[in-house]
Every structure is written in structure tokens, then in C-alpha cells.
C-alpha atoms as a PDB file:
ATOM      1  CA  MET A   1     130.216 128.653 135.951  1.00  0.00           C
ATOM      2  CA  ALA A   2     132.220 126.528 137.749  1.00  0.00           C
ATOM      3  CA  SER A   3     133.608 127.652 141.026  1.00  0.00           C
ATOM      4  CA  SER A   4     137.107 126.490 139.837  1.00  0.00           C
ATOM      5  CA  ASP A   5     136.592 128.961 136.686  1.00  0.00           C
ATOM      6  CA  TYR A   6     135.865 132.192 139.079  1.00  0.00           C
ATOM      7  CA  THR A   7     138.166 134.674 138.737  1.00  0.00           C
ATOM      8  CA  PRO A   8     136.934 137.346 139.670  1.00  0.00           C
ATOM      9  CA  PHE A   9     141.044 139.279 140.671  1.00  0.00           C
ATOM     10  CA  ALA A  10     141.873 137.916 137.131  1.00  0.00           C
ATOM     11  CA  HIS A  11     141.846 140.781 135.662  1.00  0.00           C
ATOM     12  CA  LEU A  12     144.332 142.908 138.159  1.00  0.00           C
ATOM     13  CA  ILE A  13     147.463 140.629 136.707  1.00  0.00           C
ATOM     14  CA  THR A  14     147.086 140.047 133.688  1.00  0.00           C
ATOM     15  CA  PRO A  15     148.925 141.961 130.248  1.00  0.00           C
ATOM     16  CA  HIS A  16     146.260 144.307 129.704  1.00  0.00           C
ATOM     17  CA  ALA A  17     145.126 145.313 133.583  1.00  0.00           C
ATOM     18  CA  PRO A  18     144.963 149.078 133.210  1.00  0.00           C
ATOM     19  CA  LEU A  19     142.051 148.154 130.345  1.00  0.00           C
ATOM     20  CA  TYR A  20     140.020 146.266 132.434  1.00  0.00           C
ATOM     21  CA  ARG A  21     140.859 148.178 135.404  1.00  0.00           C
ATOM     22  CA  GLN A  22     139.020 151.532 133.815  1.00  0.00           C
ATOM     23  CA  VAL A  23     136.396 148.818 132.687  1.00  0.00           C
ATOM     24  CA  MET A  24     135.498 147.511 135.842  1.00  0.00           C
ATOM     25  CA  ARG A  25     135.805 151.418 137.073  1.00  0.00           C
ATOM     26  CA  VAL A  26     133.285 152.709 134.330  1.00  0.00           C
ATOM     27  CA  PHE A  27     131.002 149.876 135.888  1.00  0.00           C
ATOM     28  CA  LEU A  28     131.029 151.004 139.608  1.00  0.00           C
ATOM     29  CA  ALA A  29     130.328 154.860 138.192  1.00  0.00           C
ATOM     30  CA  ALA A  30     127.315 153.435 136.307  1.00  0.00           C
ATOM     31  CA  LYS A  31     126.217 151.730 139.506  1.00  0.00           C
ATOM     32  CA  GLU A  32     126.598 154.834 141.605  1.00  0.00           C
ATOM     33  CA  ARG A  33     123.688 155.955 139.027  1.00  0.00           C
ATOM     34  CA  PHE A  34     121.753 153.640 139.292  1.00  0.00           C
ATOM     35  CA  ALA A  35     122.573 152.462 135.303  1.00  0.00           C
ATOM     36  CA  VAL A  36     122.043 147.993 135.236  1.00  0.00           C
ATOM     37  CA  HIS A  37     123.221 147.493 131.806  1.00  0.00           C
ATOM     38  CA  LEU A  38     125.941 148.784 129.893  1.00  0.00           C
ATOM     39  CA  ARG A  39     126.319 148.657 126.067  1.00  0.00           C
ATOM     40  CA  PRO A  40     129.986 148.278 124.707  1.00  0.00           C
ATOM     41  CA  GLU A  41     130.040 151.704 123.107  1.00  0.00           C
ATOM     42  CA  ASP A  42     128.809 153.108 126.254  1.00  0.00           C
ATOM     43  CA  VAL A  43     132.049 151.854 128.105  1.00  0.00           C
ATOM     44  CA  TYR A  44     134.472 152.571 125.046  1.00  0.00           C
ATOM     45  CA  ALA A  45     132.422 156.206 125.800  1.00  0.00           C
ATOM     46  CA  ALA A  46     132.985 156.316 129.461  1.00  0.00           C
ATOM     47  CA  LEU A  47     136.491 155.358 129.074  1.00  0.00           C
ATOM     48  CA  ASP A  48     139.501 158.018 129.812  1.00  0.00           C
ATOM     49  CA  ALA A  49     140.711 159.435 126.238  1.00  0.00           C
ATOM     50  CA  ASP A  50     143.976 159.036 127.903  1.00  0.00           C
ATOM     51  CA  GLY A  51     143.517 155.006 128.125  1.00  0.00           C
ATOM     52  CA  ARG A  52     140.965 154.636 125.726  1.00  0.00           C
ATOM     53  CA  PRO A  53     142.141 151.833 123.293  1.00  0.00           C
ATOM     54  CA  ALA A  54     142.043 153.156 119.538  1.00  0.00           C
ATOM     55  CA  ASP A  55     139.943 150.210 118.379  1.00  0.00           C
ATOM     56  CA  PRO A  56     136.675 150.012 120.081  1.00  0.00           C
ATOM     57  CA  GLU A  57     136.889 145.771 119.329  1.00  0.00           C
ATOM     58  CA  ALA A  58     139.841 146.006 122.418  1.00  0.00           C
ATOM     59  CA  VAL A  59     136.832 146.792 124.422  1.00  0.00           C
ATOM     60  CA  THR A  60     134.443 143.860 123.704  1.00  0.00           C
ATOM     61  CA  GLN A  61     137.089 141.797 123.772  1.00  0.00           C
ATOM     62  CA  ALA A  62     137.753 143.230 127.535  1.00  0.00           C
ATOM     63  CA  LEU A  63     134.103 142.886 128.277  1.00  0.00           C
ATOM     64  CA  ASP A  64     134.009 138.851 126.961  1.00  0.00           C
ATOM     65  CA  LYS A  65     137.289 138.570 129.196  1.00  0.00           C
ATOM     66  CA  LEU A  66     135.323 140.213 132.150  1.00  0.00           C
ATOM     67  CA  VAL A  67     132.307 138.426 131.587  1.00  0.00           C
ATOM     68  CA  GLU A  68     134.764 135.111 131.104  1.00  0.00           C
ATOM     69  CA  TRP A  69     135.935 135.894 134.744  1.00  0.00           C
ATOM     70  CA  GLY A  70     132.433 135.777 136.300  1.00  0.00           C
ATOM     71  CA  ASN A  71     132.492 140.237 137.036  1.00  0.00           C
ATOM     72  CA  LEU A  72     130.446 140.832 134.331  1.00  0.00           C
ATOM     73  CA  ARG A  73     127.554 139.356 132.871  1.00  0.00           C
ATOM     74  CA  ALA A  74     126.005 139.245 129.308  1.00  0.00           C
ATOM     75  CA  ASP A  75     123.168 139.604 128.419  1.00  0.00           C
ATOM     76  CA  PRO A  76     121.239 139.492 124.852  1.00  0.00           C
ATOM     77  CA  ASP A  77     120.587 142.720 123.163  1.00  0.00           C
ATOM     78  CA  HIS A  78     117.380 142.579 121.489  1.00  0.00           C
ATOM     79  CA  ALA A  79     116.279 146.382 122.481  1.00  0.00           C
ATOM     80  CA  ARG A  80     117.366 148.013 119.239  1.00  0.00           C
ATOM     81  CA  VAL A  81     116.145 145.319 116.191  1.00  0.00           C
ATOM     82  CA  THR A  82     115.032 146.253 113.421  1.00  0.00           C
ATOM     83  CA  ALA A  83     115.405 143.734 110.938  1.00  0.00           C
ATOM     84  CA  VAL A  84     115.828 139.730 111.453  1.00  0.00           C
ATOM     85  CA  GLU A  85     119.986 140.541 110.404  1.00  0.00           C
ATOM     86  CA  ASP A  86     120.142 142.029 113.677  1.00  0.00           C
ATOM     87  CA  PHE A  87     118.241 139.437 115.590  1.00  0.00           C
ATOM     88  CA  TYR A  88     121.271 137.109 114.850  1.00  0.00           C
ATOM     89  CA  ARG A  89     124.083 139.651 115.246  1.00  0.00           C
ATOM     90  CA  ARG A  90     125.914 139.165 118.622  1.00  0.00           C
ATOM     91  CA  ARG A  91     124.950 142.353 120.477  1.00  0.00           C
ATOM     92  CA  PHE A  92     125.055 141.647 124.381  1.00  0.00           C
ATOM     93  CA  ILE A  93     125.170 143.898 127.777  1.00  0.00           C
ATOM     94  CA  TYR A  94     127.049 144.224 130.173  1.00  0.00           C
ATOM     95  CA  GLN A  95     126.675 144.328 134.068  1.00  0.00           C
ATOM     96  CA  LEU A  96     128.242 143.534 137.230  1.00  0.00           C
ATOM     97  CA  THR A  97     127.770 140.178 138.619  1.00  0.00           C
ATOM     98  CA  PRO A  98     126.552 140.259 142.219  1.00  0.00           C
ATOM     99  CA  GLY A  99     128.752 141.066 144.803  1.00  0.00           C
ATOM    100  CA  ARG A 100     131.293 143.842 142.819  1.00  0.00           C
END
């Protein structure tokens, strides 16, 4: 990622800023528990019920944007692979980038 592409505070000024802030708080709480990686379903479950989007896909999209801005890192998640189809399905685990 080029330094000009690095926008770690973009999540504060976008239309969906409350969701991005909630997602980042989930990661900070996980960091305090020494949990390094989170799956999208873990993040979705940890969100406050009042601010949680109805569609879990919205959380996955938020995670992808946070990766794009440099707040999170996404690594392929092969831990739950039980079939060849699972290996090729797009799955990631996410973690905070250094300095967050």
C-alpha cells in the first residue's frame, strides 16, 4: 500500500461512520483480551444490538473498507476448510494493523 493510499482516519468522516467506529471498538476490545484475529461473524456478534446492521454482509463490507484504508489487515482463513469448495471460497480473518 502506498503512503498516499493510507487513510486510517477515513472511517470517521464517511456516511457509515457509526458502523466503522463500532467495528473498530470491537477490535480494540478483542485486543484487550489478547484476541488477535476476528472473523466477520465474530465482529457481527460483538456489535451492539442497537447499532448492528440487519445484514451481516454489511459488516463484511465495512471490514473490507477498513482494510482498504489501512486500519485492518485481512489474511486468508483456511482454518475451517473441509472441502475443496471451501478452499476457494473468499474467507478472511481480520486483525488490527500496527499502531492501532
